[in-house]
Protein backbone atom coordinates (compact mmCIF):
# COMPACT_ATOMS: atom_id res chain seq x y z
CA MET A 1 44.15 -21.35 5.33
CA LYS A 2 43.53 -17.73 4.43
CA GLN A 3 41.40 -18.82 1.53
CA GLN A 4 39.29 -21.00 3.83
CA ARG A 5 38.82 -18.12 6.24
CA SER A 6 37.78 -15.87 3.35
CA VAL A 7 35.24 -18.43 2.19
CA ILE A 8 33.87 -18.77 5.74
CA VAL A 9 33.59 -14.98 6.08
CA HIS A 10 31.65 -14.75 2.83
CA ILE A 11 29.35 -17.60 3.88
CA VAL A 12 28.65 -15.96 7.25
CA ALA A 13 27.99 -12.63 5.55
CA ALA A 14 25.61 -14.27 3.12
CA VAL A 15 23.75 -16.04 5.93
CA LEU A 16 23.44 -12.81 7.90
CA ALA A 17 22.15 -10.99 4.83
CA LEU A 18 19.51 -13.67 4.32
CA MET A 19 18.50 -13.47 7.97
CA VAL A 20 18.14 -9.69 7.83
CA SER A 21 16.14 -9.81 4.61
CA GLY A 22 13.96 -12.52 6.12
CA VAL A 23 13.25 -10.39 9.21
CA THR A 24 12.48 -7.36 7.06
CA ALA A 25 10.13 -9.36 4.88
CA ALA A 26 8.38 -10.70 7.97
CA GLU A 27 8.00 -7.21 9.41
CA ASN A 28 6.52 -5.89 6.18
CA ALA A 29 4.22 -8.86 5.60
CA THR A 30 0.58 -7.84 5.25
CA LEU A 31 -1.74 -9.23 7.89
CA THR A 32 -5.11 -10.66 6.98
CA ARG A 33 -8.12 -9.00 8.58
CA ALA A 34 -8.56 -11.96 10.91
CA GLN A 35 -4.91 -11.65 11.99
CA TRP A 36 -4.88 -7.95 12.76
CA LEU A 37 -8.25 -8.13 14.53
CA LYS A 38 -6.56 -10.36 17.11
CA LYS A 39 -3.93 -7.66 17.70
CA VAL A 40 -6.28 -4.73 18.28
CA GLY A 41 -6.42 -5.20 22.05
CA ALA A 42 -2.65 -5.35 22.46
CA SER A 43 -2.21 -2.42 20.06
CA VAL A 44 -4.02 -0.03 22.38
CA THR A 45 -1.96 -0.98 25.43
CA GLN A 46 1.47 -1.68 23.92
CA GLU A 47 3.21 0.87 21.72
CA SER A 48 5.46 -1.76 20.13
CA VAL A 49 2.47 -3.86 19.04
CA LEU A 50 0.70 -0.79 17.66
CA ARG A 51 3.76 0.16 15.62
CA GLU A 52 4.25 -3.35 14.25
CA THR A 53 0.57 -3.92 13.46
CA LEU A 54 0.13 -0.58 11.71
CA SER A 55 2.98 -1.43 9.37
CA GLN A 56 1.27 -4.70 8.43
CA VAL A 57 -2.37 -3.65 7.95
CA SER A 58 -3.24 -3.28 4.27
CA PRO A 59 -4.15 0.28 3.15
CA ASP A 60 -7.76 -0.59 2.36
CA GLU A 61 -8.27 -1.76 5.95
CA ARG A 62 -6.57 1.12 7.78
CA VAL A 63 -9.83 2.99 8.37
CA GLU A 64 -11.46 -0.05 9.93
CA PHE A 65 -8.36 -0.66 12.02
CA ALA A 66 -8.56 2.90 13.37
CA GLN A 67 -12.25 2.38 14.09
CA ARG A 68 -11.59 -0.87 15.95
CA VAL A 69 -8.73 0.62 17.96
CA ILE A 70 -10.85 3.57 19.06
CA LYS A 71 -13.63 1.22 20.18
CA ALA A 72 -11.09 -0.86 22.10
CA VAL A 73 -9.78 2.21 23.91
CA LYS A 74 -13.33 3.10 24.96
CA ARG A 75 -13.62 -0.24 26.77
CA LEU A 76 -10.35 0.05 28.69
CA PRO A 77 -10.89 -0.01 32.49
CA VAL A 78 -8.38 2.79 33.13
CA SER A 79 -8.40 6.31 34.53
CA PRO A 80 -9.54 9.26 32.35
CA ASP A 81 -5.93 10.50 32.24
CA GLU A 82 -4.62 7.23 30.89
CA LYS A 83 -7.52 6.78 28.49
CA VAL A 84 -7.18 10.22 26.92
CA ALA A 85 -3.44 9.65 26.53
CA ILE A 86 -4.09 6.37 24.72
CA PHE A 87 -6.67 8.06 22.50
CA VAL A 88 -4.04 10.64 21.55
CA ARG A 89 -1.33 8.05 20.95
CA THR A 90 -3.44 5.70 18.84
CA SER A 91 -5.13 8.49 16.87
CA VAL A 92 -1.88 10.19 15.96
CA ALA A 93 -0.24 6.88 15.06
CA CYS A 94 -3.13 5.75 12.83
CA ILE A 95 -3.09 9.07 10.99
CA ALA A 96 0.68 9.00 10.62
CA SER A 97 0.64 5.55 9.08
CA SER A 98 -1.83 6.56 6.36
CA SER A 99 -1.30 8.36 3.07
CA GLY A 100 -3.25 9.78 0.14
CA ASP A 101 -7.04 10.08 0.42
CA LEU A 102 -6.89 7.44 3.12
CA LYS A 103 -5.40 9.94 5.56
CA TYR A 104 -8.49 12.16 5.29
CA LYS A 105 -10.69 9.15 6.06
CA VAL A 106 -8.63 8.14 9.09
CA ILE A 107 -8.76 11.68 10.46
CA ALA A 108 -12.52 11.68 9.96
CA GLU A 109 -12.77 8.35 11.78
CA VAL A 110 -10.87 9.76 14.76
CA PHE A 111 -13.24 12.71 15.13
CA ALA A 112 -16.30 10.51 14.59
CA GLY A 113 -15.24 7.77 17.00
CA VAL A 114 -13.48 9.35 19.98
CA PRO A 115 -16.04 10.10 22.74
CA VAL A 116 -16.88 13.81 22.84
CA GLU A 117 -15.61 14.30 26.39
CA PHE A 118 -12.12 13.29 25.21
CA LEU A 119 -12.16 15.37 22.04
CA PRO A 120 -10.95 18.66 23.61
CA VAL A 121 -7.59 17.10 24.49
CA VAL A 122 -7.33 14.94 21.36
CA THR A 123 -8.17 17.93 19.14
CA GLU A 124 -5.61 20.19 20.80
CA GLU A 125 -2.91 17.53 20.40
CA LEU A 126 -3.77 17.06 16.74
CA ALA A 127 -3.92 20.80 16.16
CA LYS A 128 -0.33 21.10 17.34
CA ARG A 129 0.81 19.18 14.28
CA PHE A 130 -1.72 20.69 11.83
CA ASN A 131 -0.36 24.17 12.54
CA GLN A 132 0.14 26.17 9.33
CA GLU A 133 3.32 27.96 10.38
CA TYR A 134 4.86 24.78 11.75
CA ASN A 135 4.34 23.10 8.39
CA GLY A 136 5.52 26.12 6.39
CA LEU A 137 2.36 26.38 4.28
CA SER A 138 0.93 29.28 2.35
CA ASP A 139 -2.64 30.34 3.09
CA ALA A 140 -3.84 28.80 -0.19
CA ALA A 141 -2.17 25.45 0.41
CA TYR A 142 -3.38 25.21 3.99
CA GLU A 143 -6.94 26.15 3.01
CA LYS A 144 -7.01 23.51 0.28
CA ILE A 145 -6.02 20.72 2.63
CA ALA A 146 -8.24 21.91 5.48
CA CYS A 147 -11.25 22.01 3.15
CA GLU A 148 -10.66 18.50 1.87
CA ALA A 149 -10.30 17.13 5.39
CA VAL A 150 -13.40 18.93 6.65
CA LYS A 151 -15.53 17.71 3.72
CA VAL A 152 -14.67 14.08 4.43
CA ALA A 153 -15.25 14.55 8.17
CA ILE A 154 -18.65 16.18 7.66
CA LEU A 155 -19.86 13.16 5.69
CA ARG A 156 -18.58 10.78 8.36
CA ASN A 157 -19.94 12.81 11.29
CA ALA A 158 -23.40 12.82 9.69
CA GLN A 159 -23.54 9.16 10.74
CA THR A 160 -23.02 10.03 14.43
CA ASP A 161 -25.35 11.32 17.13
CA GLU A 162 -23.49 14.63 17.51
CA PRO A 163 -22.62 15.85 13.98
CA SER A 164 -22.56 19.56 14.84
CA VAL A 165 -20.40 19.03 17.92
CA ARG A 166 -17.94 16.76 16.13
CA ASN A 167 -17.76 19.04 13.10
CA THR A 168 -16.84 21.89 15.43
CA PHE A 169 -13.87 19.96 16.75
CA VAL A 170 -12.71 19.19 13.20
CA LEU A 171 -12.82 22.87 12.26
CA LEU A 172 -11.06 23.76 15.48
CA ALA A 173 -8.19 21.39 14.70
CA PHE A 174 -7.40 23.42 11.57
CA LEU A 175 -8.36 26.89 12.77
CA ARG A 176 -6.26 26.73 15.94
CA GLY A 177 -3.04 27.11 13.94
CA ALA A 178 -4.34 29.00 10.90
CA LYS A 179 -2.81 32.33 9.90
CA ASN A 180 -5.64 33.57 7.70
CA PRO A 181 -8.70 34.76 9.67
CA LYS A 182 -10.88 34.25 6.58
CA LEU A 183 -10.40 30.48 6.79
CA GLU A 184 -13.09 30.26 9.48
CA ASP A 185 -15.77 31.52 7.09
CA VAL A 186 -14.50 29.22 4.34
CA LEU A 187 -14.74 26.13 6.55
CA LEU A 188 -18.09 27.15 8.04
CA SER A 189 -19.50 27.44 4.51
CA LEU A 190 -18.82 23.72 4.03
CA LEU A 191 -21.34 22.78 6.74
CA THR A 192 -24.67 21.41 5.56
CA ASP A 193 -27.12 24.12 6.69
CA ASP A 194 -27.41 27.61 8.19
CA ARG A 195 -28.55 26.34 11.59
CA MET A 196 -25.44 24.21 11.96
CA ARG A 197 -23.23 27.07 10.77
CA LYS A 198 -24.64 29.41 13.42
CA VAL A 199 -24.30 27.03 16.34
CA VAL A 200 -20.82 25.87 15.29
CA SER A 201 -19.71 29.48 14.88
CA THR A 202 -20.83 30.23 18.46
CA TRP A 203 -18.96 27.23 19.86
CA LEU A 204 -15.82 28.13 17.89
CA ILE A 205 -15.64 31.60 19.42
CA ALA A 206 -15.46 30.20 22.95
CA ALA A 207 -13.11 27.35 22.04
CA LEU A 208 -10.67 29.39 19.95
CA ASN A 209 -10.45 32.39 22.21
CA ASP A 210 -10.68 30.85 25.68
CA LYS A 211 -10.40 27.08 25.14
CA ASN A 212 -13.89 26.92 26.60
CA TYR A 213 -15.64 23.69 25.58
CA ASP A 214 -18.59 23.92 27.98
CA GLY A 215 -21.13 24.59 25.24
CA LEU A 216 -19.86 21.75 23.08
CA LEU A 217 -19.86 19.25 25.93
CA ALA A 218 -23.28 20.33 27.17
CA ALA A 219 -24.73 19.94 23.68
CA ALA A 220 -23.45 16.35 23.66
CA ASP A 221 -24.78 15.84 27.20
CA VAL A 222 -21.40 14.90 28.68
CA GLU A 223 -19.45 16.25 31.64
CA PRO A 224 -15.97 17.78 31.34
CA LEU A 225 -13.16 15.41 32.27
CA VAL A 226 -11.13 16.10 35.39
CA LEU A 227 -7.53 15.43 34.36
CA THR A 228 -4.27 15.85 36.24
CA GLY A 229 -2.23 16.13 33.07
CA GLU A 230 0.75 14.27 34.54
CA GLN A 231 -0.10 10.85 33.11
CA LEU A 232 -1.10 12.40 29.79
CA LEU A 233 2.33 13.98 29.46
CA GLN A 234 4.02 10.74 30.46
CA LEU A 235 2.09 8.58 28.00
CA THR A 236 2.21 10.96 25.04
CA GLY A 237 5.68 12.39 25.55
CA HIS A 238 8.77 10.37 24.72
CA ASP A 239 6.73 7.24 23.90
CA LEU A 240 4.73 9.11 21.25
CA ASP A 241 7.84 10.75 19.82
CA ARG A 242 9.57 7.38 19.53
CA LEU A 243 6.49 5.78 17.99
CA LEU A 244 6.22 8.45 15.32
CA ALA A 245 9.94 8.32 14.59
CA ASP A 246 9.76 4.54 14.18
CA LEU A 247 6.70 4.74 11.94
CA ASN A 248 8.50 7.36 9.82
CA ALA A 249 5.36 7.59 7.73
CA GLY A 250 4.45 10.10 5.04
CA ARG A 251 6.26 13.09 3.61
CA PRO A 252 6.39 16.50 5.27
CA PHE A 253 3.16 18.45 4.99
CA SER A 254 5.11 21.19 3.21
CA PHE A 255 5.54 18.97 0.14
CA VAL A 256 2.53 20.15 -1.88
CA THR A 257 1.66 20.41 -5.52
CA GLY A 258 1.37 23.65 -7.39
CA ALA A 259 4.16 26.15 -7.86
CA GLY A 260 4.07 28.99 -5.40
CA GLU A 261 1.63 27.33 -3.00
CA VAL A 262 4.19 26.56 -0.35
CA GLN A 263 6.93 28.67 1.07
CA SER A 264 10.48 27.44 0.36
CA LEU A 265 9.30 24.47 -1.68
CA PRO A 266 12.22 22.57 -3.23
CA SER A 267 11.89 22.30 -7.02
CA ASP A 268 12.05 18.51 -6.98
CA THR A 269 9.05 18.15 -4.68
CA LEU A 270 6.38 19.30 -7.12
CA ASN A 271 3.65 16.73 -7.78
CA GLN A 272 4.50 14.95 -4.53
CA PRO A 273 1.83 14.04 -1.95
CA THR A 274 0.92 16.59 0.66
CA ASP A 275 1.27 15.50 4.26
CA PHE A 276 1.17 17.03 7.70
CA ASN A 277 4.50 16.20 9.25
CA ILE A 278 3.10 14.04 12.01
CA ASN A 279 6.34 12.15 12.52
CA ARG A 280 8.22 15.24 13.68
CA ILE A 281 8.07 16.63 17.19
CA PRO A 282 6.15 19.92 17.10
CA ARG A 283 7.53 22.88 18.97
CA THR A 284 5.28 25.03 21.11
CA TYR A 285 3.78 28.18 19.64
CA GLN A 286 2.49 30.98 21.81
CA ASN A 287 -0.77 32.75 21.08
CA GLN A 288 -0.05 36.15 19.63
CA SER A 289 -3.59 37.41 19.84
CA SER A 290 -6.97 36.42 21.19
CA ASN A 291 -8.59 36.05 17.78
CA ILE A 292 -8.61 33.16 15.35
CA ASN A 293 -5.20 34.18 14.05
CA GLY A 294 -3.60 33.69 17.41
CA GLY A 295 -2.82 30.13 16.61
CA CYS A 296 -1.28 27.98 19.24
CA CYS A 297 0.74 24.91 18.55
CA PRO A 298 1.33 22.50 15.66
CA CYS A 299 -0.85 19.22 14.72
CA PRO A 300 -1.01 15.79 12.62
CA CYS A 301 -1.14 14.79 9.00
CA ILE A 302 -3.04 14.79 5.71
CA VAL A 303 -2.45 14.10 2.07
CA ASN A 304 -3.60 16.15 -0.91
CA PRO A 305 -5.71 13.90 -3.19
CA SER A 306 -4.87 15.99 -6.27
CA ALA A 307 -1.20 15.24 -5.78
CA LYS A 308 -1.56 11.67 -6.95
């Protein structure tokens, strides 16, 4: 009798193991383009669908998926508060689910695709997780990653109607939490011409010091959004934290290549990909000054191409 029970227990255990492995395999199965295209609409309105779909889109289609999701959010018949919250949630999630050079391209797609009037909020939310101090990066390591991201974004923004405006938001996302005041000049030098450098520099002064986006919005011929903030907090608070925890994508941004580039870098992390730690909950940083060094709060993720 005992032997029969033992056999039954082993059979049940084996069946359960097969069921679990079957579920895991199903969850990790790669969707065809036609399949994930059908899920874009539900991905922008349901966090669970977004999480599941992101895990099943092949890497070479992640940029297009981000592009499609952003376009779908634009068409949503919802309030500005809800729409900006969804832009934040989907943008952060798409970036978090990417790695390597692909992460730069997804970030560029976010800044090229999100309507300009929503970019002030989206940029500030991303900047919270890009923050240099939050990620424990040296000036050299942070500059390297910021430059790579900005270069990719400049090329992508050249295909839009507001390249100077959108490039300004990209620079702002990295400068908001930068510790080295010289980084602004470094990033401005990456812009394509002197005229763009001058106008972007003017917009940055107002945005960095006073969070004044009037010049940027006027240049894009759009009106500032009137937001209550309550729905934004509700839709990007615990839901976003849970989404990022479930995605569990990427390695911490502080894992960079090159000895001495990062503060407190464990010896076994050399030659590992660099990544902004988008799947952690950033803590709030207070401005310590009114200049570019003042920083603010932490922001999303990126991967160092040279770390491959």
